[in-house]
Amino acid sequence: MRKVVCVTGASGFIASWLVKLLLRRGYTVNATVRHLSDSSKVAHLNALEGVKERLHLFQANLTEEGSFDDAIDGCDGVFHTASPVILDNFSDPQTELIEPAVKGTLNVLSSCVKASSSIKRVVLTSSMASMIVNRNLHINAAIDETWFSDPTFCEEAKQWYMLSKTLAEKAALKLAEENGMDLVVINPAFVIGPLLQPTLNVTSDSFLSFIKEGKCSGMPGGIFLHVDVRDVADAHILAFENPSANGRYCVVAKALYAFEALDILRHLYPMLNLPMR
């Protein structure tokens, strides 16, 4: 009999694919969303194969303590993907981004501690944003999973998203160590690929801006570290299922200079008026 798992932030870009692949593998999935009444958050999940028998939707709020208790209770594993993604145009980064990222992660993991009698492993979706800021990044760099972005540098440079991912991941690792929790962290690069959700997510929108304007805030040093969303979802499942999995895992398909990515797109879609180098 397949296990029961919880996926937080299930309506998101990565999480939607994760739910789809988990259902395909026979798992029962407790999926959390912010608003059950919002069709843009749940309609694409309800359209997946296997939902009638094995998908259960829960409403949960990252900043509300205990909000994830019901969804996590009795589960064998938890995939915590929920976290705000805002790359620019902040009015209050502490309130809009950092607090929900850190507090939300601690709230979810605290619910996991309460359900520790059944929870075998927790898989956390982090990002390479928590690893590469203020690092000597070049096209042939060997990125080490011991790397962490410098929080002080992130704050001084106003790289708020990178700061939120770094602080949230560090908080998760600390809580896991203090409570003997089996926690595995997935650190994807810039995630691209087909969307299941009806709305354009922030990273896909950022990639479209790059295609149209040749500029992208998510490419430090002009290097495009990317990975397909389906591979990221697979990596989460492998991290849960493989008993030897532990620690942090970078998930990257390829590193290109940004202009090389544009050259590829220009070759594939010559009819588009893409920016030159």
Protein backbone atom coordinates (compact mmCIF):
# COMPACT_ATOMS: atom_id res chain seq x y z
CA MET A 1 0.00 0.00 0.00
CA ARG A 2 1.36 3.41 -1.02
CA LYS A 3 2.08 6.01 1.62
CA VAL A 4 0.25 9.19 2.55
CA VAL A 5 2.24 12.39 2.07
CA CYS A 6 1.56 16.10 2.46
CA VAL A 7 2.56 18.71 -0.12
CA THR A 8 2.43 22.31 1.07
CA GLY A 9 1.81 25.13 -1.38
CA ALA A 10 0.37 22.54 -3.74
CA SER A 11 -0.96 25.03 -6.29
CA GLY A 12 2.54 26.29 -7.12
CA PHE A 13 4.72 25.65 -10.16
CA ILE A 14 6.94 22.91 -8.69
CA ALA A 15 4.35 21.59 -6.24
CA SER A 16 1.68 21.02 -8.90
CA TRP A 17 4.05 18.75 -10.80
CA LEU A 18 5.05 17.07 -7.54
CA VAL A 19 1.40 16.31 -6.75
CA LYS A 20 0.86 15.00 -10.29
CA LEU A 21 3.85 12.65 -10.12
CA LEU A 22 3.04 11.47 -6.59
CA LEU A 23 -0.52 10.59 -7.63
CA ARG A 24 0.85 8.80 -10.69
CA ARG A 25 3.06 6.70 -8.39
CA GLY A 26 0.08 5.72 -6.25
CA TYR A 27 0.57 8.01 -3.26
CA THR A 28 -2.32 9.53 -1.35
CA VAL A 29 -1.64 13.27 -1.19
CA ASN A 30 -2.80 15.81 1.39
CA ALA A 31 -2.31 19.06 -0.52
CA THR A 32 -2.42 22.47 1.13
CA VAL A 33 -3.43 25.72 -0.56
CA ARG A 34 -4.08 29.18 0.83
CA HIS A 35 -7.69 29.45 -0.33
CA LEU A 36 -9.85 26.44 -1.14
CA SER A 37 -12.45 28.74 -2.70
CA ASP A 38 -9.97 30.15 -5.25
CA SER A 39 -10.46 28.14 -8.45
CA SER A 40 -7.14 29.37 -9.85
CA LYS A 41 -5.44 27.54 -6.98
CA VAL A 42 -7.35 24.25 -7.03
CA ALA A 43 -8.95 23.63 -10.45
CA HIS A 44 -5.75 22.33 -12.06
CA LEU A 45 -5.15 20.03 -9.08
CA ASN A 46 -8.68 18.65 -9.25
CA ALA A 47 -8.11 17.90 -12.94
CA LEU A 48 -5.21 15.52 -12.24
CA GLU A 49 -5.53 11.78 -12.68
CA GLY A 50 -6.28 9.93 -9.43
CA VAL A 51 -7.68 12.89 -7.50
CA LYS A 52 -11.03 11.34 -6.60
CA GLU A 53 -9.45 8.50 -4.67
CA ARG A 54 -6.16 9.94 -3.44
CA LEU A 55 -6.09 13.75 -3.32
CA HIS A 56 -7.29 15.64 -0.26
CA LEU A 57 -7.18 19.44 -0.23
CA PHE A 58 -6.58 21.48 2.93
CA GLN A 59 -6.54 25.22 3.52
CA ALA A 60 -3.47 26.45 5.39
CA ASN A 61 -1.69 29.73 6.05
CA LEU A 62 2.10 29.92 6.34
CA THR A 63 2.09 32.49 9.11
CA GLU A 64 -0.64 30.84 11.21
CA GLU A 65 0.72 28.52 13.90
CA GLY A 66 -0.84 25.06 13.76
CA SER A 67 -2.42 25.74 10.38
CA PHE A 68 -0.79 22.66 8.84
CA ASP A 69 -1.52 20.25 11.70
CA ASP A 70 -4.55 18.59 10.12
CA ALA A 71 -2.93 18.15 6.71
CA ILE A 72 0.24 16.63 8.18
CA ASP A 73 -1.29 14.47 10.91
CA GLY A 74 -0.90 10.77 10.07
CA CYS A 75 1.31 11.33 7.02
CA ASP A 76 4.40 9.27 6.26
CA GLY A 77 6.23 12.20 4.72
CA VAL A 78 5.98 15.91 4.03
CA PHE A 79 7.14 17.96 1.05
CA HIS A 80 7.36 21.60 2.11
CA THR A 81 7.38 23.70 -1.06
CA ALA A 82 5.29 26.67 0.10
CA SER A 83 7.19 29.95 0.25
CA PRO A 84 6.60 33.39 -1.25
CA VAL A 85 8.48 34.12 -4.47
CA ILE A 86 8.96 37.84 -5.12
CA LEU A 87 12.06 38.94 -7.02
CA ASP A 88 11.54 42.71 -7.01
CA ASN A 89 9.01 45.53 -6.46
CA PHE A 90 8.83 45.21 -2.68
CA SER A 91 7.06 47.62 -0.39
CA ASP A 92 8.05 45.75 2.79
CA PRO A 93 10.37 42.76 2.19
CA GLN A 94 10.34 41.73 5.85
CA THR A 95 6.55 41.37 5.93
CA GLU A 96 5.97 40.25 2.35
CA LEU A 97 8.82 37.78 1.98
CA ILE A 98 11.19 37.07 4.84
CA GLU A 99 8.71 36.58 7.69
CA PRO A 100 6.36 34.22 5.79
CA ALA A 101 9.33 32.26 4.41
CA VAL A 102 11.01 31.71 7.78
CA LYS A 103 7.94 31.57 10.01
CA GLY A 104 6.09 29.42 7.50
CA THR A 105 8.91 26.91 7.35
CA LEU A 106 9.09 26.71 11.13
CA ASN A 107 5.30 26.34 11.38
CA VAL A 108 5.26 23.45 8.91
CA LEU A 109 8.20 21.70 10.55
CA SER A 110 6.64 22.21 13.99
CA SER A 111 3.55 20.39 12.70
CA CYS A 112 5.90 17.63 11.52
CA VAL A 113 7.38 17.38 15.02
CA LYS A 114 3.86 16.95 16.45
CA ALA A 115 3.28 14.12 13.96
CA SER A 116 6.72 12.58 14.44
CA SER A 117 5.27 9.16 15.28
CA SER A 118 4.25 8.75 11.64
CA ILE A 119 6.53 11.13 9.71
CA LYS A 120 9.50 9.25 8.25
CA ARG A 121 11.10 12.09 6.31
CA VAL A 122 10.59 15.74 5.40
CA VAL A 123 11.75 17.12 2.05
CA LEU A 124 12.24 20.89 1.92
CA THR A 125 12.19 22.89 -1.30
CA SER A 126 14.91 25.49 -1.01
CA SER A 127 16.84 27.09 -3.87
CA MET A 128 20.32 27.67 -5.18
CA ALA A 129 19.56 31.25 -4.18
CA SER A 130 20.47 30.12 -0.67
CA MET A 131 23.89 28.95 -1.89
CA ILE A 132 25.45 31.15 -4.57
CA VAL A 133 25.11 34.79 -3.50
CA ASN A 134 28.51 36.48 -3.01
CA ARG A 135 30.30 33.43 -4.40
CA ASN A 136 32.87 33.32 -7.18
CA LEU A 137 30.43 31.91 -9.70
CA HIS A 138 31.66 31.15 -13.21
CA ILE A 139 30.57 28.80 -15.97
CA ASN A 140 32.82 25.93 -14.82
CA ALA A 141 32.44 26.49 -11.08
CA ALA A 142 32.01 23.37 -8.95
CA ILE A 143 29.20 24.38 -6.62
CA ASP A 144 29.50 22.77 -3.21
CA GLU A 145 26.44 21.78 -1.16
CA THR A 146 28.18 23.18 1.91
CA TRP A 147 27.87 26.68 0.43
CA PHE A 148 25.45 29.17 1.94
CA SER A 149 24.68 32.64 0.68
CA ASP A 150 25.94 35.36 3.02
CA PRO A 151 22.86 36.83 4.80
CA THR A 152 24.65 40.09 5.60
CA PHE A 153 25.65 40.58 1.97
CA CYS A 154 22.10 39.71 0.82
CA GLU A 155 20.66 42.33 3.14
CA GLU A 156 23.17 45.02 2.18
CA ALA A 157 22.61 44.29 -1.52
CA LYS A 158 18.82 44.19 -0.99
CA GLN A 159 18.64 40.70 -2.44
CA TRP A 160 15.58 39.91 -0.38
CA TYR A 161 14.45 36.70 -2.07
CA MET A 162 17.93 35.20 -1.67
CA LEU A 163 17.92 36.28 1.98
CA SER A 164 14.51 34.70 2.60
CA LYS A 165 15.58 31.34 1.15
CA THR A 166 18.86 31.36 3.08
CA LEU A 167 17.29 32.21 6.44
CA ALA A 168 14.40 29.77 5.96
CA GLU A 169 16.69 26.90 5.07
CA LYS A 170 19.04 27.58 7.97
CA ALA A 171 16.08 27.74 10.36
CA ALA A 172 14.80 24.42 9.01
CA LEU A 173 18.16 22.69 9.41
CA LYS A 174 18.47 23.97 12.98
CA LEU A 175 14.97 22.81 13.96
CA ALA A 176 15.54 19.43 12.33
CA GLU A 177 18.80 18.90 14.19
CA GLU A 178 17.26 19.89 17.52
CA ASN A 179 14.36 17.47 17.05
CA GLY A 180 16.11 14.53 15.38
CA MET A 181 14.09 15.07 12.20
CA ASP A 182 15.07 13.32 8.97
CA LEU A 183 15.23 16.36 6.67
CA VAL A 184 16.45 16.40 3.07
CA VAL A 185 16.80 19.71 1.21
CA ILE A 186 16.39 20.20 -2.54
CA ASN A 187 18.15 23.27 -3.98
CA PRO A 188 16.98 23.75 -7.58
CA ALA A 189 18.50 26.20 -10.03
CA PHE A 190 16.29 28.50 -12.14
CA VAL A 191 13.24 26.32 -12.77
CA ILE A 192 11.69 26.32 -16.25
CA GLY A 193 9.26 24.08 -18.09
CA PRO A 194 5.54 23.53 -18.72
CA LEU A 195 2.97 24.99 -16.34
CA LEU A 196 0.11 23.04 -14.83
CA GLN A 197 -1.34 26.04 -12.99
CA PRO A 198 -3.40 28.58 -15.00
CA THR A 199 -1.47 31.63 -13.84
CA LEU A 200 2.07 32.62 -14.77
CA ASN A 201 4.44 32.07 -11.86
CA VAL A 202 7.19 34.54 -10.97
CA THR A 203 10.16 32.57 -12.32
CA SER A 204 8.44 31.85 -15.64
CA ASP A 205 7.50 35.52 -15.91
CA SER A 206 11.11 36.45 -15.17
CA PHE A 207 12.28 34.09 -17.91
CA LEU A 208 9.85 35.67 -20.37
CA SER A 209 11.25 39.09 -19.48
CA PHE A 210 14.71 37.73 -20.19
CA ILE A 211 13.57 36.45 -23.59
CA LYS A 212 11.95 39.77 -24.49
CA GLU A 213 14.51 42.16 -23.02
CA GLY A 214 17.69 40.12 -22.56
CA LYS A 215 17.73 40.93 -18.85
CA CYS A 216 16.94 38.77 -15.86
CA SER A 217 17.46 39.40 -12.15
CA GLY A 218 17.71 35.65 -11.53
CA MET A 219 20.98 35.18 -13.41
CA PRO A 220 23.96 36.24 -11.26
CA GLY A 221 27.05 36.91 -13.35
CA GLY A 222 25.03 36.45 -16.53
CA ILE A 223 25.04 32.68 -15.97
CA PHE A 224 21.83 30.76 -16.58
CA LEU A 225 21.72 27.77 -14.21
CA HIS A 226 18.50 26.01 -15.14
CA VAL A 227 16.52 22.83 -14.63
CA ASP A 228 13.20 21.43 -15.85
CA VAL A 229 10.34 21.54 -13.35
CA ARG A 230 9.58 17.85 -13.95
CA ASP A 231 13.12 16.90 -13.00
CA VAL A 232 12.81 18.98 -9.84
CA ALA A 233 9.60 17.19 -8.89
CA ASP A 234 11.28 13.83 -9.55
CA ALA A 235 14.22 14.87 -7.37
CA HIS A 236 11.86 15.53 -4.47
CA ILE A 237 10.33 12.07 -4.77
CA LEU A 238 13.73 10.37 -5.05
CA ALA A 239 14.89 12.28 -1.96
CA PHE A 240 11.91 10.92 -0.07
CA GLU A 241 12.09 7.34 -1.33
CA ASN A 242 15.84 6.72 -1.26
CA PRO A 243 16.84 5.68 2.29
CA SER A 244 20.42 6.91 1.78
CA ALA A 245 19.38 10.45 0.82
CA ASN A 246 20.51 13.09 3.31
CA GLY A 247 21.59 16.70 3.53
CA ARG A 248 21.29 19.11 0.62
CA TYR A 249 21.11 18.45 -3.12
CA CYS A 250 21.75 20.94 -5.93
CA VAL A 251 19.42 20.18 -8.84
CA VAL A 252 20.82 21.67 -12.05
CA ALA A 253 20.50 20.47 -15.63
CA LYS A 254 23.03 22.77 -17.28
CA ALA A 255 24.93 26.01 -16.90
CA LEU A 256 24.90 28.43 -19.84
CA TYR A 257 25.85 32.01 -20.30
CA ALA A 258 22.64 33.95 -20.69
CA PHE A 259 23.53 34.97 -24.24
CA GLU A 260 23.94 31.27 -25.14
CA ALA A 261 20.40 30.59 -23.96
CA LEU A 262 19.19 33.41 -26.20
CA ASP A 263 21.14 31.95 -29.13
CA ILE A 264 19.41 28.59 -28.62
CA LEU A 265 15.98 30.20 -28.50
CA ARG A 266 16.78 32.31 -31.56
CA HIS A 267 17.72 29.14 -33.46
CA LEU A 268 14.59 27.26 -32.33
CA TYR A 269 12.20 30.17 -32.93
CA PRO A 270 13.62 32.29 -35.77
CA MET A 271 10.22 33.92 -36.33
CA LEU A 272 10.45 35.70 -32.96
CA ASN A 273 12.12 39.07 -32.66
CA LEU A 274 14.46 38.12 -29.82
CA PRO A 275 17.08 40.56 -28.49
CA MET A 276 20.62 40.27 -29.80
CA ARG A 277 23.59 39.74 -27.50
